[in-house]
Amino acid sequence: MTQPLLQLDKKSFHHGTLESPRIKKLLAFLRERGTTGATPFDMIANCGTTRPTSDISELRANGIAIDCEFERNTDTERKVFRYRLA
């Protein structure tokens, strides 16, 4: 008999606060980019983060509304998404 998947509630997600220098830097960068938004590569290059999509999740967990839009596929068929403040 298989066991059910572990269900995690939202309270179990440990995230940084808006006081975190890393999160502050990304939020300021996204504000600066405005409607242009940023790809994960943009975030890595400009904010020095090594985990841009996790940082986006942390911003969302702190109540920051962020839109995500599919932009394109790379030559190697990897999907590229663009994130912007909602």
N, C-alpha and C. Protein backbone atom coordinates (compact mmCIF):
# COMPACT_ATOMS: atom_id res chain seq x y z
N MET A 1 0.84 -1.18 0.00
CA MET A 1 0.00 0.00 0.00
C MET A 1 0.88 1.25 0.00
N THR A 2 0.59 2.21 -0.87
CA THR A 2 1.39 3.43 -0.94
C THR A 2 0.90 4.44 0.07
N GLN A 3 1.81 5.25 0.52
CA GLN A 3 1.46 6.30 1.48
C GLN A 3 1.08 7.56 0.72
N PRO A 4 0.15 8.35 1.26
CA PRO A 4 -0.21 9.61 0.59
C PRO A 4 0.96 10.58 0.62
N LEU A 5 0.97 11.47 -0.35
CA LEU A 5 2.01 12.50 -0.40
C LEU A 5 1.90 13.39 0.83
N LEU A 6 3.03 13.86 1.29
CA LEU A 6 3.06 14.77 2.43
C LEU A 6 2.43 16.10 2.03
N GLN A 7 1.47 16.56 2.77
CA GLN A 7 0.81 17.84 2.50
C GLN A 7 1.42 18.90 3.42
N LEU A 8 1.98 19.94 2.83
CA LEU A 8 2.56 21.03 3.60
C LEU A 8 1.63 22.22 3.55
N ASP A 9 1.39 22.82 4.68
CA ASP A 9 0.58 24.03 4.66
C ASP A 9 1.49 25.23 4.45
N LYS A 10 0.90 26.36 4.11
CA LYS A 10 1.69 27.56 3.79
C LYS A 10 2.54 28.02 4.96
N LYS A 11 2.12 27.72 6.18
CA LYS A 11 2.87 28.17 7.34
C LYS A 11 4.22 27.46 7.44
N SER A 12 4.39 26.32 6.78
CA SER A 12 5.64 25.58 6.89
C SER A 12 6.72 26.11 5.94
N PHE A 13 6.36 27.04 5.06
CA PHE A 13 7.33 27.62 4.14
C PHE A 13 8.11 28.70 4.87
N HIS A 14 9.38 28.47 5.09
CA HIS A 14 10.22 29.46 5.78
C HIS A 14 10.75 30.42 4.71
N HIS A 15 10.47 31.68 4.89
CA HIS A 15 10.90 32.66 3.90
C HIS A 15 11.53 33.86 4.59
N GLY A 16 12.37 34.57 3.84
CA GLY A 16 12.99 35.78 4.35
C GLY A 16 11.96 36.90 4.47
N THR A 17 12.31 37.90 5.22
CA THR A 17 11.42 39.05 5.38
C THR A 17 11.81 40.13 4.39
N LEU A 18 10.98 41.14 4.31
CA LEU A 18 11.29 42.28 3.44
C LEU A 18 12.47 43.09 3.96
N GLU A 19 12.95 42.75 5.15
CA GLU A 19 14.13 43.42 5.71
C GLU A 19 15.42 42.75 5.25
N SER A 20 15.32 41.58 4.64
CA SER A 20 16.49 40.86 4.15
C SER A 20 17.17 41.68 3.05
N PRO A 21 18.47 41.91 3.13
CA PRO A 21 19.16 42.68 2.09
C PRO A 21 18.96 42.08 0.69
N ARG A 22 18.97 40.75 0.60
CA ARG A 22 18.79 40.07 -0.69
C ARG A 22 17.42 40.34 -1.27
N ILE A 23 16.40 40.27 -0.42
CA ILE A 23 15.02 40.49 -0.86
C ILE A 23 14.80 41.97 -1.18
N LYS A 24 15.37 42.86 -0.36
CA LYS A 24 15.27 44.30 -0.62
C LYS A 24 15.87 44.66 -1.97
N LYS A 25 17.03 44.07 -2.28
CA LYS A 25 17.72 44.37 -3.53
C LYS A 25 16.88 43.92 -4.73
N LEU A 26 16.30 42.73 -4.65
CA LEU A 26 15.47 42.24 -5.75
C LEU A 26 14.22 43.09 -5.91
N LEU A 27 13.57 43.45 -4.81
CA LEU A 27 12.37 44.27 -4.87
C LEU A 27 12.68 45.63 -5.50
N ALA A 28 13.78 46.25 -5.10
CA ALA A 28 14.17 47.54 -5.68
C ALA A 28 14.46 47.39 -7.17
N PHE A 29 15.10 46.30 -7.55
CA PHE A 29 15.41 46.05 -8.96
C PHE A 29 14.12 45.90 -9.77
N LEU A 30 13.16 45.13 -9.27
CA LEU A 30 11.90 44.95 -9.99
C LEU A 30 11.13 46.27 -10.08
N ARG A 31 11.19 47.08 -9.02
CA ARG A 31 10.54 48.40 -9.08
C ARG A 31 11.20 49.27 -10.15
N GLU A 32 12.51 49.22 -10.21
CA GLU A 32 13.27 50.01 -11.20
C GLU A 32 12.93 49.57 -12.62
N ARG A 33 12.73 48.28 -12.82
CA ARG A 33 12.44 47.74 -14.16
C ARG A 33 11.02 48.05 -14.63
N GLY A 34 10.12 48.33 -13.69
CA GLY A 34 8.76 48.71 -14.05
C GLY A 34 8.06 47.65 -14.88
N THR A 35 7.39 48.10 -15.95
CA THR A 35 6.61 47.19 -16.78
C THR A 35 7.48 46.27 -17.64
N THR A 36 8.77 46.59 -17.75
CA THR A 36 9.69 45.73 -18.49
C THR A 36 9.89 44.42 -17.76
N GLY A 37 9.93 44.48 -16.43
CA GLY A 37 10.14 43.27 -15.64
C GLY A 37 11.54 42.73 -15.81
N ALA A 38 11.73 41.48 -15.42
CA ALA A 38 13.05 40.87 -15.48
C ALA A 38 12.95 39.36 -15.59
N THR A 39 13.90 38.79 -16.31
CA THR A 39 14.01 37.34 -16.39
C THR A 39 14.90 36.88 -15.22
N PRO A 40 14.89 35.59 -14.92
CA PRO A 40 15.81 35.10 -13.89
C PRO A 40 17.26 35.46 -14.19
N PHE A 41 17.66 35.41 -15.47
CA PHE A 41 19.03 35.79 -15.82
C PHE A 41 19.29 37.25 -15.47
N ASP A 42 18.33 38.13 -15.74
CA ASP A 42 18.47 39.55 -15.38
C ASP A 42 18.68 39.69 -13.87
N MET A 43 17.91 38.92 -13.11
CA MET A 43 18.02 38.99 -11.64
C MET A 43 19.38 38.50 -11.17
N ILE A 44 19.87 37.43 -11.77
CA ILE A 44 21.19 36.90 -11.41
C ILE A 44 22.27 37.94 -11.73
N ALA A 45 22.21 38.50 -12.92
CA ALA A 45 23.23 39.45 -13.37
C ALA A 45 23.21 40.76 -12.59
N ASN A 46 22.03 41.22 -12.19
CA ASN A 46 21.92 42.54 -11.56
C ASN A 46 21.79 42.52 -10.05
N CYS A 47 21.33 41.42 -9.50
CA CYS A 47 21.12 41.36 -8.04
C CYS A 47 22.09 40.41 -7.35
N GLY A 48 22.77 39.60 -8.12
CA GLY A 48 23.73 38.67 -7.54
C GLY A 48 23.09 37.46 -6.88
N THR A 49 21.80 37.27 -7.06
CA THR A 49 21.14 36.13 -6.46
C THR A 49 21.52 34.85 -7.21
N THR A 50 21.54 33.76 -6.51
CA THR A 50 21.80 32.47 -7.14
C THR A 50 20.53 31.65 -7.25
N ARG A 51 19.44 32.19 -6.76
CA ARG A 51 18.16 31.48 -6.78
C ARG A 51 17.00 32.45 -7.01
N PRO A 52 16.94 33.01 -8.19
CA PRO A 52 15.96 34.07 -8.45
C PRO A 52 14.50 33.65 -8.28
N THR A 53 14.14 32.45 -8.72
CA THR A 53 12.73 32.07 -8.60
C THR A 53 12.34 31.80 -7.16
N SER A 54 13.27 31.33 -6.34
CA SER A 54 13.00 31.18 -4.90
C SER A 54 12.82 32.54 -4.25
N ASP A 55 13.63 33.51 -4.68
CA ASP A 55 13.50 34.86 -4.15
C ASP A 55 12.14 35.47 -4.54
N ILE A 56 11.67 35.19 -5.74
CA ILE A 56 10.34 35.64 -6.16
C ILE A 56 9.28 35.04 -5.24
N SER A 57 9.43 33.76 -4.92
CA SER A 57 8.48 33.10 -3.99
C SER A 57 8.50 33.76 -2.63
N GLU A 58 9.68 34.17 -2.19
CA GLU A 58 9.78 34.84 -0.89
C GLU A 58 9.09 36.20 -0.92
N LEU A 59 9.24 36.93 -2.01
CA LEU A 59 8.53 38.21 -2.14
C LEU A 59 7.02 37.98 -2.09
N ARG A 60 6.56 36.97 -2.82
CA ARG A 60 5.12 36.67 -2.82
C ARG A 60 4.64 36.27 -1.43
N ALA A 61 5.45 35.50 -0.70
CA ALA A 61 5.08 35.09 0.65
C ALA A 61 4.98 36.29 1.60
N ASN A 62 5.65 37.37 1.24
CA ASN A 62 5.58 38.61 2.02
C ASN A 62 4.51 39.56 1.51
N GLY A 63 3.64 39.07 0.63
CA GLY A 63 2.51 39.87 0.18
C GLY A 63 2.75 40.73 -1.04
N ILE A 64 3.91 40.59 -1.69
CA ILE A 64 4.20 41.37 -2.89
C ILE A 64 3.60 40.63 -4.10
N ALA A 65 2.75 41.32 -4.84
CA ALA A 65 2.11 40.71 -6.02
C ALA A 65 3.07 40.77 -7.20
N ILE A 66 3.37 39.61 -7.78
CA ILE A 66 4.29 39.53 -8.91
C ILE A 66 3.65 38.69 -10.00
N ASP A 67 3.62 39.25 -11.21
CA ASP A 67 3.12 38.53 -12.37
C ASP A 67 4.27 37.78 -13.03
N CYS A 68 3.93 36.66 -13.65
CA CYS A 68 4.91 35.86 -14.38
C CYS A 68 4.34 35.59 -15.77
N GLU A 69 5.14 35.85 -16.78
CA GLU A 69 4.68 35.67 -18.16
C GLU A 69 5.72 34.89 -18.96
N PHE A 70 5.26 33.88 -19.68
CA PHE A 70 6.16 33.15 -20.57
C PHE A 70 6.66 34.10 -21.65
N GLU A 71 7.96 34.10 -21.87
CA GLU A 71 8.54 34.99 -22.87
C GLU A 71 8.94 34.25 -24.15
N ARG A 72 9.69 33.17 -24.00
CA ARG A 72 10.19 32.47 -25.19
C ARG A 72 10.85 31.16 -24.78
N ASN A 73 11.19 30.37 -25.77
CA ASN A 73 12.04 29.20 -25.59
C ASN A 73 13.43 29.56 -26.10
N THR A 74 14.45 29.06 -25.43
CA THR A 74 15.82 29.27 -25.89
C THR A 74 16.10 28.32 -27.05
N ASP A 75 17.28 28.44 -27.62
CA ASP A 75 17.69 27.54 -28.70
C ASP A 75 17.70 26.08 -28.24
N THR A 76 17.90 25.88 -26.95
CA THR A 76 17.92 24.52 -26.40
C THR A 76 16.57 24.13 -25.79
N GLU A 77 15.53 24.89 -26.15
CA GLU A 77 14.14 24.62 -25.73
C GLU A 77 13.87 24.82 -24.24
N ARG A 78 14.71 25.59 -23.57
CA ARG A 78 14.42 25.95 -22.18
C ARG A 78 13.47 27.12 -22.18
N LYS A 79 12.51 27.09 -21.27
CA LYS A 79 11.52 28.16 -21.18
C LYS A 79 12.09 29.35 -20.41
N VAL A 80 11.82 30.54 -20.91
CA VAL A 80 12.24 31.77 -20.25
C VAL A 80 10.98 32.53 -19.85
N PHE A 81 10.92 32.91 -18.58
CA PHE A 81 9.78 33.66 -18.06
C PHE A 81 10.23 35.05 -17.64
N ARG A 82 9.32 35.99 -17.67
CA ARG A 82 9.59 37.37 -17.24
C ARG A 82 8.69 37.66 -16.05
N TYR A 83 9.29 38.23 -15.01
CA TYR A 83 8.58 38.57 -13.78
C TYR A 83 8.49 40.08 -13.66
N ARG A 84 7.33 40.56 -13.23
CA ARG A 84 7.17 42.01 -12.99
C ARG A 84 6.22 42.21 -11.82
N LEU A 85 6.39 43.35 -11.16
CA LEU A 85 5.47 43.69 -10.08
C LEU A 85 4.08 43.91 -10.65
N ALA A 86 3.09 43.39 -9.98
CA ALA A 86 1.70 43.52 -10.46
C ALA A 86 1.13 44.87 -10.08
